[in-house]
């Protein structure tokens, strides 16, 4: 596999790889597992709590889930995802988990090596993707067991480390280590090439690459990576990988199918206001952790400004509060807005986020509340950042306020970096006039294959396709694997 990346194009022996996966986070890992010939079947004698699904599963006991009609199986399932296949795979792996049940998976896995599809997984970091960039002590939003991948329960892995789950939840460091362990334990590492950056993915005609006619290509049918007779176009994937010495070595690979699984951690959203590029304005939580570590900020500093009302902003509030650092917290919505994530989380499971929500409610600038060193400014927006570290805000009535701050953290979400695709991937989105956004404008995919409606042979997984939780990205991997096996 390594040779594949370093080898110059040998045009006479041209072989496209069947599949290249860009991104090595949970969805890329899960898809690699399925493409490595690990095939899920319904476990005989198991009883699924959903009687209609149980009946459907019993109709085809000897047929793997990958070979069944996913649309038929997932019909009528309800849950916390809009994707029918995500709900299907999740309920097979974790029956009734939303009702607090911990029933065993109804799947059994067979390793059928003859059904493996050669593939390569490209990623910048170690397997686990963005989980390696998140502060290790952060506790996940999802319950620990929901972070697990097929056929290796997360809690079993934690037990080996002689650790339990805190409040049923896990730290980012645990999860990053678990994903690396999963790749080794399942023998997937030969498919993974870490330290790679993809710079371009485009369709090229097979004729332009190969000096041979298609007939010649078909004669070499002993090759595993033989050319599919029907495909006259393939994807050319270009990029570079970092060597041990830190050099950048270019590579080119040709693939019949490309799966986009890059997530959305790459480029934080900017507000687009004056002064946002000043050195004291940051777009990642790690900047606050750095500043505390090297004592450039502390109890006596001017307040830290935190902009945003999502979970990352809440993590920043908790971190600053824990370090006794004064905070001004600015966000555009009302505290009671049903769209606010805090209004959707069960209080029992997320006591610390509930506490931040309470602070946001009770500690607005208008009235002093019980929380020292914290001021909440709901329904405000930032107008500008000054060189003198003075920040101007505007409330919903148009009144302006000025605060002196020590540093600003703009934590209003992040967007995927799809600069390696033509037109930044905008043509693939639901609304092709707007950039791809996981919540508002995901890539338009077929719900049962996850193939892009605009580009055959190109697939999108995870947040790019609108699946934002680890437990639900795995259904997308099931859909892609099922589609590729049928091809």
Protein backbone atom coordinates (compact mmCIF):
# COMPACT_ATOMS: atom_id res chain seq x y z
CA UNK A 1 0.00 0.00 0.00
CA UNK A 2 2.86 2.35 0.86
CA UNK A 3 4.38 1.72 -2.56
CA UNK A 4 1.12 2.82 -4.11
CA UNK A 5 1.65 6.29 -2.75
CA UNK A 6 5.32 6.68 -3.55
CA UNK A 7 5.34 5.05 -6.97
CA UNK A 8 5.37 7.47 -9.91
CA UNK A 9 2.57 6.85 -12.38
CA UNK A 10 3.58 3.81 -14.29
CA UNK A 11 1.16 4.40 -17.11
CA UNK A 12 1.64 1.08 -18.84
CA UNK A 13 0.57 -0.90 -15.76
CA UNK A 14 -2.27 1.43 -14.82
CA UNK A 15 -4.53 0.06 -12.08
CA UNK A 16 -7.04 2.30 -10.33
CA UNK A 17 -7.77 1.39 -6.72
CA UNK A 18 -11.42 0.47 -6.19
CA UNK A 19 -11.85 2.88 -3.24
CA UNK A 20 -9.98 5.79 -1.66
CA UNK A 21 -11.36 7.20 1.62
CA UNK A 22 -10.34 10.76 2.52
CA UNK A 23 -10.47 11.21 6.30
CA UNK A 24 -9.56 8.71 9.03
CA UNK A 25 -12.01 9.63 11.78
CA UNK A 26 -14.75 7.29 13.06
CA UNK A 27 -16.64 7.11 9.75
CA UNK A 28 -13.50 6.34 7.74
CA UNK A 29 -12.45 3.67 10.26
CA UNK A 30 -15.90 2.06 10.28
CA UNK A 31 -16.02 1.96 6.47
CA UNK A 32 -12.52 0.43 6.33
CA UNK A 33 -13.70 -2.31 8.73
CA UNK A 34 -16.66 -3.17 6.46
CA UNK A 35 -14.55 -3.04 3.28
CA UNK A 36 -11.96 -5.35 4.88
CA UNK A 37 -14.44 -8.20 4.62
CA UNK A 38 -16.06 -7.95 8.08
CA UNK A 39 -19.66 -8.75 7.25
CA UNK A 40 -22.61 -8.27 9.67
CA UNK A 41 -25.41 -10.85 9.96
CA UNK A 42 -28.46 -10.97 12.22
CA UNK A 43 -27.54 -13.18 15.19
CA UNK A 44 -29.79 -16.25 15.25
CA UNK A 45 -32.00 -16.59 18.34
CA UNK A 46 -31.57 -12.92 19.28
CA UNK A 47 -34.69 -10.90 19.90
CA UNK A 48 -34.88 -7.28 18.80
CA UNK A 49 -37.24 -5.06 20.88
CA UNK A 50 -38.71 -3.67 17.64
CA UNK A 51 -41.16 -6.45 16.55
CA UNK A 52 -41.55 -5.36 12.90
CA UNK A 53 -37.77 -5.13 12.44
CA UNK A 54 -37.39 -8.54 14.13
CA UNK A 55 -39.82 -10.06 11.62
CA UNK A 56 -37.97 -8.53 8.67
CA UNK A 57 -34.62 -9.77 9.99
CA UNK A 58 -35.98 -13.30 10.38
CA UNK A 59 -37.07 -13.33 6.73
CA UNK A 60 -33.44 -13.52 5.52
CA UNK A 61 -31.36 -15.12 8.26
CA UNK A 62 -28.61 -16.29 5.93
CA UNK A 63 -28.25 -13.02 4.04
CA UNK A 64 -25.83 -10.43 5.44
CA UNK A 65 -27.21 -7.00 6.36
CA UNK A 66 -24.96 -5.51 3.64
CA UNK A 67 -26.75 -7.60 0.97
CA UNK A 68 -30.28 -6.83 2.10
CA UNK A 69 -32.53 -3.99 1.02
CA UNK A 70 -31.58 -1.23 3.49
CA UNK A 71 -34.61 0.86 2.56
CA UNK A 72 -36.96 -2.01 3.42
CA UNK A 73 -35.19 -2.79 6.72
CA UNK A 74 -35.08 0.82 7.92
CA UNK A 75 -38.67 1.69 7.05
CA UNK A 76 -40.65 2.93 10.05
CA UNK A 77 -37.68 3.39 12.44
CA UNK A 78 -37.67 6.56 14.52
CA UNK A 79 -34.93 8.20 16.55
CA UNK A 80 -32.50 11.07 16.89
CA UNK A 81 -31.21 11.04 13.31
CA UNK A 82 -32.79 12.03 10.00
CA UNK A 83 -30.98 9.22 8.21
CA UNK A 84 -32.95 5.96 7.97
CA UNK A 85 -29.81 3.82 7.55
CA UNK A 86 -28.11 5.54 10.50
CA UNK A 87 -31.12 4.63 12.66
CA UNK A 88 -31.08 1.06 11.34
CA UNK A 89 -27.41 0.34 12.05
CA UNK A 90 -27.59 2.08 15.43
CA UNK A 91 -30.61 0.07 16.57
CA UNK A 92 -28.99 -3.20 15.43
CA UNK A 93 -25.82 -2.40 17.38
CA UNK A 94 -27.50 -0.79 20.41
CA UNK A 95 -31.16 -1.85 20.65
CA UNK A 96 -33.28 0.61 22.68
CA UNK A 97 -30.25 2.58 23.87
CA UNK A 98 -32.25 5.85 23.85
CA UNK A 99 -34.46 4.41 26.57
CA UNK A 100 -31.46 3.76 28.80
CA UNK A 101 -31.34 0.06 27.88
CA UNK A 102 -28.01 -1.70 27.44
CA UNK A 103 -29.25 -4.66 25.40
CA UNK A 104 -26.68 -6.71 23.50
CA UNK A 105 -26.12 -6.06 19.80
CA UNK A 106 -28.20 -8.35 17.56
CA UNK A 107 -25.35 -8.49 15.02
CA UNK A 108 -22.74 -11.16 14.58
CA UNK A 109 -19.66 -10.50 12.43
CA UNK A 110 -18.02 -12.87 9.97
CA UNK A 111 -14.67 -12.23 8.35
CA UNK A 112 -15.17 -13.12 4.70
CA UNK A 113 -11.84 -12.23 3.13
CA UNK A 114 -13.04 -13.00 -0.40
CA UNK A 115 -15.49 -10.08 -0.07
CA UNK A 116 -12.87 -7.51 0.94
CA UNK A 117 -12.50 -4.52 -1.38
CA UNK A 118 -8.96 -3.06 -1.67
CA UNK A 119 -8.97 0.50 -0.37
CA UNK A 120 -6.81 3.19 1.15
CA UNK A 121 -7.68 5.58 4.01
CA UNK A 122 -5.87 8.93 3.92
CA UNK A 123 -5.70 11.16 7.01
CA UNK A 124 -3.64 14.00 8.46
CA UNK A 125 -3.45 12.63 12.01
CA UNK A 126 -3.30 9.20 13.58
CA UNK A 127 -6.51 7.14 13.11
CA UNK A 128 -9.28 8.95 14.98
CA UNK A 129 -9.12 12.17 12.98
CA UNK A 130 -10.11 15.35 14.81
CA UNK A 131 -10.32 13.50 18.15
CA UNK A 132 -6.55 13.95 18.34
CA UNK A 133 -6.90 17.76 18.10
CA UNK A 134 -9.41 18.13 20.95
CA UNK A 135 -8.20 18.91 24.47
CA UNK A 136 -7.77 15.44 26.04
CA UNK A 137 -9.59 16.12 29.30
CA UNK A 138 -12.77 17.35 27.60
CA UNK A 139 -15.73 15.09 28.32
CA UNK A 140 -17.81 13.99 25.33
CA UNK A 141 -21.37 15.08 24.78
CA UNK A 142 -22.43 11.55 23.83
CA UNK A 143 -22.49 8.66 26.26
CA UNK A 144 -19.27 6.64 26.17
CA UNK A 145 -20.85 3.52 24.72
CA UNK A 146 -22.22 5.60 21.83
CA UNK A 147 -18.65 6.41 20.76
CA UNK A 148 -17.86 2.75 20.10
CA UNK A 149 -17.32 1.18 16.67
CA UNK A 150 -18.68 -2.17 15.44
CA UNK A 151 -17.74 -5.38 17.25
CA UNK A 152 -15.51 -3.82 19.94
CA UNK A 153 -17.62 -2.15 22.67
CA UNK A 154 -16.01 1.00 24.06
CA UNK A 155 -16.78 0.05 27.66
CA UNK A 156 -15.00 -3.29 27.29
CA UNK A 157 -11.92 -1.45 26.08
CA UNK A 158 -12.11 1.00 29.02
CA UNK A 159 -12.37 -1.93 31.46
CA UNK A 160 -9.05 -3.25 30.15
CA UNK A 161 -7.59 0.11 31.11
CA UNK A 162 -9.17 -0.41 34.57
CA UNK A 163 -11.20 2.73 34.16
CA UNK A 164 -14.89 3.45 34.33
CA UNK A 165 -17.01 6.01 32.51
CA UNK A 166 -17.54 9.30 34.31
CA UNK A 167 -21.26 9.95 34.41
CA UNK A 168 -21.52 7.43 31.53
CA UNK A 169 -19.30 9.71 29.44
CA UNK A 170 -15.70 9.56 28.25
CA UNK A 171 -12.81 11.96 27.72
CA UNK A 172 -11.58 12.96 24.27
CA UNK A 173 -8.20 11.39 25.06
CA UNK A 174 -9.82 8.01 25.79
CA UNK A 175 -11.72 8.13 22.53
CA UNK A 176 -8.68 9.09 20.43
CA UNK A 177 -6.76 6.15 21.96
CA UNK A 178 -9.69 3.77 21.46
CA UNK A 179 -9.89 4.58 17.73
CA UNK A 180 -6.15 3.95 17.31
CA UNK A 181 -6.47 0.69 19.23
CA UNK A 182 -9.47 -0.33 17.11
CA UNK A 183 -7.48 0.01 13.85
CA UNK A 184 -4.64 -2.13 15.24
CA UNK A 185 -6.89 -4.71 16.91
CA UNK A 186 -8.97 -5.24 13.76
CA UNK A 187 -5.87 -5.44 11.55
CA UNK A 188 -6.82 -2.43 9.44
CA UNK A 189 -3.52 -0.52 9.69
CA UNK A 190 -2.26 -1.70 6.29
CA UNK A 191 -5.10 0.33 4.71
CA UNK A 192 -4.27 3.53 6.60
CA UNK A 193 -1.80 6.15 5.43
CA UNK A 194 -1.47 8.86 8.08
CA UNK A 195 0.27 12.20 7.71
CA UNK A 196 -1.27 12.72 4.27
CA UNK A 197 -2.84 15.91 2.98
CA UNK A 198 -5.09 15.73 -0.07
CA UNK A 199 -4.81 18.79 -2.30
CA UNK A 200 -6.98 17.81 -5.28
CA UNK A 201 -9.64 15.31 -6.32
CA UNK A 202 -10.88 15.43 -9.91
CA UNK A 203 -12.33 13.16 -12.56
CA UNK A 204 -10.08 12.24 -15.47
CA UNK A 205 -10.73 10.01 -18.44
CA UNK A 206 -9.09 6.61 -18.24
CA UNK A 207 -7.85 6.92 -21.82
CA UNK A 208 -5.87 10.03 -21.04
CA UNK A 209 -3.94 8.19 -18.33
CA UNK A 210 -3.43 4.82 -19.86
CA UNK A 211 -1.54 4.44 -23.11
CA UNK A 212 -3.25 1.10 -23.53
CA UNK A 213 -6.67 0.48 -24.91
CA UNK A 214 -9.34 -0.68 -22.48
CA UNK A 215 -9.08 -4.14 -24.00
CA UNK A 216 -5.49 -4.34 -22.74
CA UNK A 217 -6.59 -3.34 -19.25
CA UNK A 218 -9.23 -6.05 -19.22
CA UNK A 219 -6.76 -8.70 -20.26
CA UNK A 220 -4.89 -8.21 -17.00
CA UNK A 221 -7.83 -9.65 -15.15
CA UNK A 222 -5.58 -11.39 -12.63
CA UNK A 223 -5.09 -8.04 -10.93
CA UNK A 224 -7.09 -7.33 -7.82
CA UNK A 225 -7.34 -3.69 -8.81
CA UNK A 226 -8.54 -4.35 -12.26
CA UNK A 227 -10.38 -1.76 -14.19
CA UNK A 228 -14.14 -2.02 -14.04
CA UNK A 229 -15.11 -2.48 -17.73
CA UNK A 230 -17.83 0.12 -17.48
CA UNK A 231 -15.80 2.94 -15.96
CA UNK A 232 -14.26 5.20 -18.57
CA UNK A 233 -13.57 7.88 -15.97
CA UNK A 234 -11.64 7.60 -12.74
CA UNK A 235 -10.76 9.96 -9.92
CA UNK A 236 -7.27 11.33 -9.64
CA UNK A 237 -6.37 12.05 -6.00
CA UNK A 238 -3.30 14.26 -5.52
CA UNK A 239 -1.61 15.41 -2.36
CA UNK A 240 1.52 15.07 -0.27
CA UNK A 241 2.58 13.17 2.80
CA UNK A 242 4.98 14.25 5.49
CA UNK A 243 8.05 12.04 5.82
CA UNK A 244 9.77 11.32 9.15
CA UNK A 245 12.25 14.10 8.35
CA UNK A 246 9.38 16.54 7.85
CA UNK A 247 9.71 16.75 4.07
CA UNK A 248 6.60 16.82 1.91
CA UNK A 249 6.48 14.12 -0.74
CA UNK A 250 3.85 14.42 -3.46
CA UNK A 251 1.63 11.49 -4.46
CA UNK A 252 -1.04 10.68 -7.04
CA UNK A 253 -3.51 7.82 -6.81
CA UNK A 254 -6.27 6.80 -9.21
CA UNK A 255 -9.50 5.43 -7.82
CA UNK A 256 -12.80 4.21 -9.19
CA UNK A 257 -14.66 5.50 -6.12
CA UNK A 258 -13.77 8.24 -3.63
CA UNK A 259 -15.38 8.61 -0.20
CA UNK A 260 -15.31 12.03 1.49
CA UNK A 261 -15.10 11.53 5.26
CA UNK A 262 -13.18 14.64 6.31
CA UNK A 263 -15.57 15.90 9.01
CA UNK A 264 -15.89 19.62 9.74
CA UNK A 265 -13.21 20.37 12.29
CA UNK A 266 -10.91 22.05 9.77
CA UNK A 267 -11.91 25.67 9.46
CA UNK A 268 -13.57 27.53 12.34
CA UNK A 269 -16.32 29.96 11.37
CA UNK A 270 -15.40 33.64 11.43
CA UNK A 271 -17.82 36.43 12.32
CA UNK A 272 -16.51 38.60 9.47
CA UNK A 273 -16.18 41.76 11.57
CA UNK A 274 -13.50 44.46 11.70
CA UNK A 275 -10.39 43.56 13.71
CA UNK A 276 -11.14 39.82 13.78
CA UNK A 277 -7.64 39.09 12.44
CA UNK A 278 -5.92 40.84 15.40
CA UNK A 279 -3.56 38.63 17.41
CA UNK A 280 -5.74 38.52 20.56
CA UNK A 281 -8.76 37.11 18.65
CA UNK A 282 -8.76 33.30 18.41
CA UNK A 283 -11.07 30.69 16.87
CA UNK A 284 -10.09 27.61 18.86
CA UNK A 285 -10.52 26.65 22.49
CA UNK A 286 -6.90 25.50 22.65
CA UNK A 287 -5.80 29.18 22.56
CA UNK A 288 -7.36 29.72 26.01
CA UNK A 289 -5.72 26.56 27.40
CA UNK A 290 -2.33 27.78 26.02
CA UNK A 291 -2.77 31.25 27.55
CA UNK A 292 -3.57 29.77 30.97
CA UNK A 293 -0.65 27.33 30.72
CA UNK A 294 1.92 30.04 30.01
CA UNK A 295 0.36 32.45 32.55
CA UNK A 296 -0.35 35.17 30.00
CA UNK A 297 -3.87 35.26 31.41
CA UNK A 298 -5.11 34.80 34.98
CA UNK A 299 -7.41 35.90 37.82
CA UNK A 300 -6.36 39.57 37.56
CA UNK A 301 -6.68 39.83 33.75
CA UNK A 302 -9.34 41.74 31.89
CA UNK A 303 -12.24 39.42 31.00
CA UNK A 304 -11.97 36.82 28.26
CA UNK A 305 -14.66 37.29 25.63
CA UNK A 306 -16.38 34.05 24.56
CA UNK A 307 -18.63 34.31 21.49
CA UNK A 308 -21.10 31.52 20.74
CA UNK A 309 -23.81 29.40 22.37
CA UNK A 310 -22.84 25.89 21.38
CA UNK A 311 -21.02 23.18 23.29
CA UNK A 312 -17.50 24.38 22.47
CA UNK A 313 -18.36 27.83 23.80
CA UNK A 314 -19.82 26.14 26.91
CA UNK A 315 -16.58 24.14 27.32
CA UNK A 316 -14.65 27.42 27.19
CA UNK A 317 -16.94 28.99 29.83
CA UNK A 318 -16.46 25.97 32.11
CA UNK A 319 -12.69 26.00 31.62
CA UNK A 320 -12.39 29.74 32.37
CA UNK A 321 -14.77 29.43 35.35
CA UNK A 322 -12.67 26.56 36.71
CA UNK A 323 -9.52 28.75 36.46
CA UNK A 324 -11.29 31.78 38.06
CA UNK A 325 -10.81 33.83 34.89
CA UNK A 326 -13.42 36.57 34.31
CA UNK A 327 -15.67 35.97 31.29
CA UNK A 328 -17.98 38.01 29.07
CA UNK A 329 -20.20 35.60 27.14
CA UNK A 330 -21.89 36.94 24.00
CA UNK A 331 -24.42 35.08 21.83
CA UNK A 332 -27.13 35.99 19.35
CA UNK A 333 -30.05 33.83 20.50
CA UNK A 334 -32.47 34.18 23.38
CA UNK A 335 -31.64 31.95 26.34
CA UNK A 336 -35.04 30.23 25.98
CA UNK A 337 -34.65 29.61 22.21
CA UNK A 338 -35.67 25.96 21.59
CA UNK A 339 -32.93 25.74 18.94
CA UNK A 340 -30.27 26.29 21.62
CA UNK A 341 -28.49 22.98 22.25
CA UNK A 342 -28.89 23.34 26.05
CA UNK A 343 -32.66 23.23 25.69
CA UNK A 344 -32.34 19.81 24.06
CA UNK A 345 -30.04 18.04 26.55
CA UNK A 346 -31.37 15.94 29.44
CA UNK A 347 -30.37 17.71 32.69
CA UNK A 348 -29.45 14.52 34.54
CA UNK A 349 -26.91 13.42 31.97
CA UNK A 350 -25.29 16.80 31.36
CA UNK A 351 -25.11 18.62 34.70
CA UNK A 352 -22.17 20.86 33.70
CA UNK A 353 -23.82 22.08 30.47
CA UNK A 354 -27.00 22.67 32.42
CA UNK A 355 -24.94 24.81 34.80
CA UNK A 356 -23.63 26.95 31.92
CA UNK A 357 -27.19 27.37 30.66
CA UNK A 358 -28.23 28.52 34.13
CA UNK A 359 -25.37 31.04 34.19
CA UNK A 360 -26.44 32.32 30.77
CA UNK A 361 -29.97 32.83 32.14
CA UNK A 362 -29.24 34.30 35.53
CA UNK A 363 -26.18 36.41 35.01
CA UNK A 364 -26.98 38.86 32.25
CA UNK A 365 -25.28 42.28 32.36
CA UNK A 366 -28.58 43.88 33.34
CA UNK A 367 -28.77 42.17 36.73
CA UNK A 368 -26.08 40.80 39.02
CA UNK A 369 -26.53 37.08 39.65
CA UNK A 370 -24.90 34.50 41.88
CA UNK A 371 -21.95 33.75 39.58
CA UNK A 372 -18.90 35.91 40.10
CA UNK A 373 -16.61 36.80 37.23
CA UNK A 374 -19.17 35.89 34.57
CA UNK A 375 -21.44 38.17 32.53
CA UNK A 376 -23.87 36.92 29.90
CA UNK A 377 -25.00 39.08 26.97
CA UNK A 378 -27.85 37.24 25.20
CA UNK A 379 -29.17 38.61 21.89
CA UNK A 380 -25.97 40.61 21.32
CA UNK A 381 -23.54 40.59 18.46
CA UNK A 382 -19.96 41.75 18.07
CA UNK A 383 -19.51 44.80 15.83
CA UNK A 384 -15.71 45.15 15.96
CA UNK A 385 -12.45 44.37 17.76
CA UNK A 386 -10.10 47.31 18.39
CA UNK A 387 -6.29 47.37 18.48
CA UNK A 388 -6.59 48.60 22.08
CA UNK A 389 -8.43 45.34 22.94
CA UNK A 390 -11.72 47.20 23.22
CA UNK A 391 -14.64 45.32 21.78
CA UNK A 392 -17.91 46.90 20.61
CA UNK A 393 -21.21 45.00 20.94
CA UNK A 394 -24.73 45.76 19.82
CA UNK A 395 -27.92 44.52 21.50
CA UNK A 396 -31.21 43.64 19.77
CA UNK A 397 -32.46 47.24 20.10
CA UNK A 398 -29.39 48.64 18.38
CA UNK A 399 -27.70 50.01 21.53
CA UNK A 400 -23.92 49.71 21.60
CA UNK A 401 -21.60 48.81 24.49
CA UNK A 402 -17.83 48.78 24.77
CA UNK A 403 -15.83 46.35 26.91
CA UNK A 404 -12.08 46.06 27.46
CA UNK A 405 -11.01 42.41 27.14
CA UNK A 406 -7.78 40.41 27.40
CA UNK A 407 -8.52 37.92 24.62
CA UNK A 408 -11.44 36.82 22.48
CA UNK A 409 -12.56 33.30 21.55
CA UNK A 410 -14.96 33.14 18.61
CA UNK A 411 -16.48 29.66 18.96
CA UNK A 412 -19.45 29.66 16.61
CA UNK A 413 -18.90 26.34 14.87
CA UNK A 414 -16.67 25.20 12.07
CA UNK A 415 -16.93 24.44 8.39
CA UNK A 416 -15.47 21.61 6.37
CA UNK A 417 -12.40 22.40 4.31
CA UNK A 418 -13.20 21.09 0.84
CA UNK A 419 -10.63 23.21 -1.00
CA UNK A 420 -9.35 20.03 -2.70
CA UNK A 421 -12.62 19.69 -4.66
CA UNK A 422 -13.55 21.74 -7.73
CA UNK A 423 -15.37 24.91 -6.58
CA UNK A 424 -14.83 23.88 -2.91
CA UNK A 425 -17.50 21.19 -3.27
CA UNK A 426 -20.29 23.77 -3.47
CA UNK A 427 -21.79 22.06 -6.54
CA UNK A 428 -22.36 18.92 -4.45
CA UNK A 429 -24.37 20.66 -1.70
CA UNK A 430 -28.16 20.60 -1.26
CA UNK A 431 -28.18 24.31 -2.12
CA UNK A 432 -25.48 24.68 -4.75
CA UNK A 433 -25.30 28.46 -4.29
CA UNK A 434 -24.03 28.16 -0.72
CA UNK A 435 -20.91 26.58 0.89
CA UNK A 436 -21.25 23.09 2.36
CA UNK A 437 -22.34 23.28 6.00
CA UNK A 438 -23.08 20.20 8.13
CA UNK A 439 -26.18 21.67 9.80
CA UNK A 440 -27.62 23.98 7.18
CA UNK A 441 -26.36 22.75 3.83
CA UNK A 442 -24.90 19.23 3.76
CA UNK A 443 -23.75 17.43 0.63
CA UNK A 444 -26.72 16.03 -1.27
CA UNK A 445 -26.48 12.22 -1.07
CA UNK A 446 -28.79 9.30 -1.80
CA UNK A 447 -30.12 8.31 1.67
CA UNK A 448 -29.57 4.56 1.07
CA UNK A 449 -26.16 4.58 -0.64
CA UNK A 450 -24.65 7.95 0.42
CA UNK A 451 -23.48 8.43 -3.17
CA UNK A 452 -23.45 12.11 -4.20
CA UNK A 453 -26.46 12.86 -6.38
CA UNK A 454 -24.34 15.21 -8.51
CA UNK A 455 -21.31 12.96 -9.03
CA UNK A 456 -21.42 9.19 -9.47
CA UNK A 457 -18.61 7.28 -7.76
CA UNK A 458 -18.17 10.05 -5.16
CA UNK A 459 -19.62 9.36 -1.69
CA UNK A 460 -19.89 11.55 1.43
CA UNK A 461 -20.03 10.38 5.05
CA UNK A 462 -20.46 11.81 8.53
CA UNK A 463 -20.99 15.55 9.12
CA UNK A 464 -20.54 16.32 5.40
CA UNK A 465 -23.72 14.31 4.80
CA UNK A 466 -25.48 15.77 7.85
CA UNK A 467 -24.69 12.96 10.36
CA UNK A 468 -23.04 14.73 13.29
CA UNK A 469 -22.80 12.06 16.00
CA UNK A 470 -20.39 9.12 16.04
CA UNK A 471 -23.17 6.63 16.69
CA UNK A 472 -24.98 7.76 13.53
CA UNK A 473 -22.03 8.19 11.12
CA UNK A 474 -21.67 4.39 11.12
CA UNK A 475 -24.95 3.88 9.25
CA UNK A 476 -23.50 5.96 6.44
CA UNK A 477 -20.52 3.59 6.32
CA UNK A 478 -22.96 0.65 6.12
CA UNK A 479 -24.78 2.32 3.20
CA UNK A 480 -21.54 3.03 1.30
CA UNK A 481 -20.14 -0.48 1.88
CA UNK A 482 -23.43 -2.03 0.74
CA UNK A 483 -23.43 0.14 -2.42
CA UNK A 484 -19.77 -0.65 -3.25
CA UNK A 485 -20.25 -4.40 -2.73
CA UNK A 486 -23.24 -4.34 -5.08
CA UNK A 487 -21.15 -2.53 -7.71
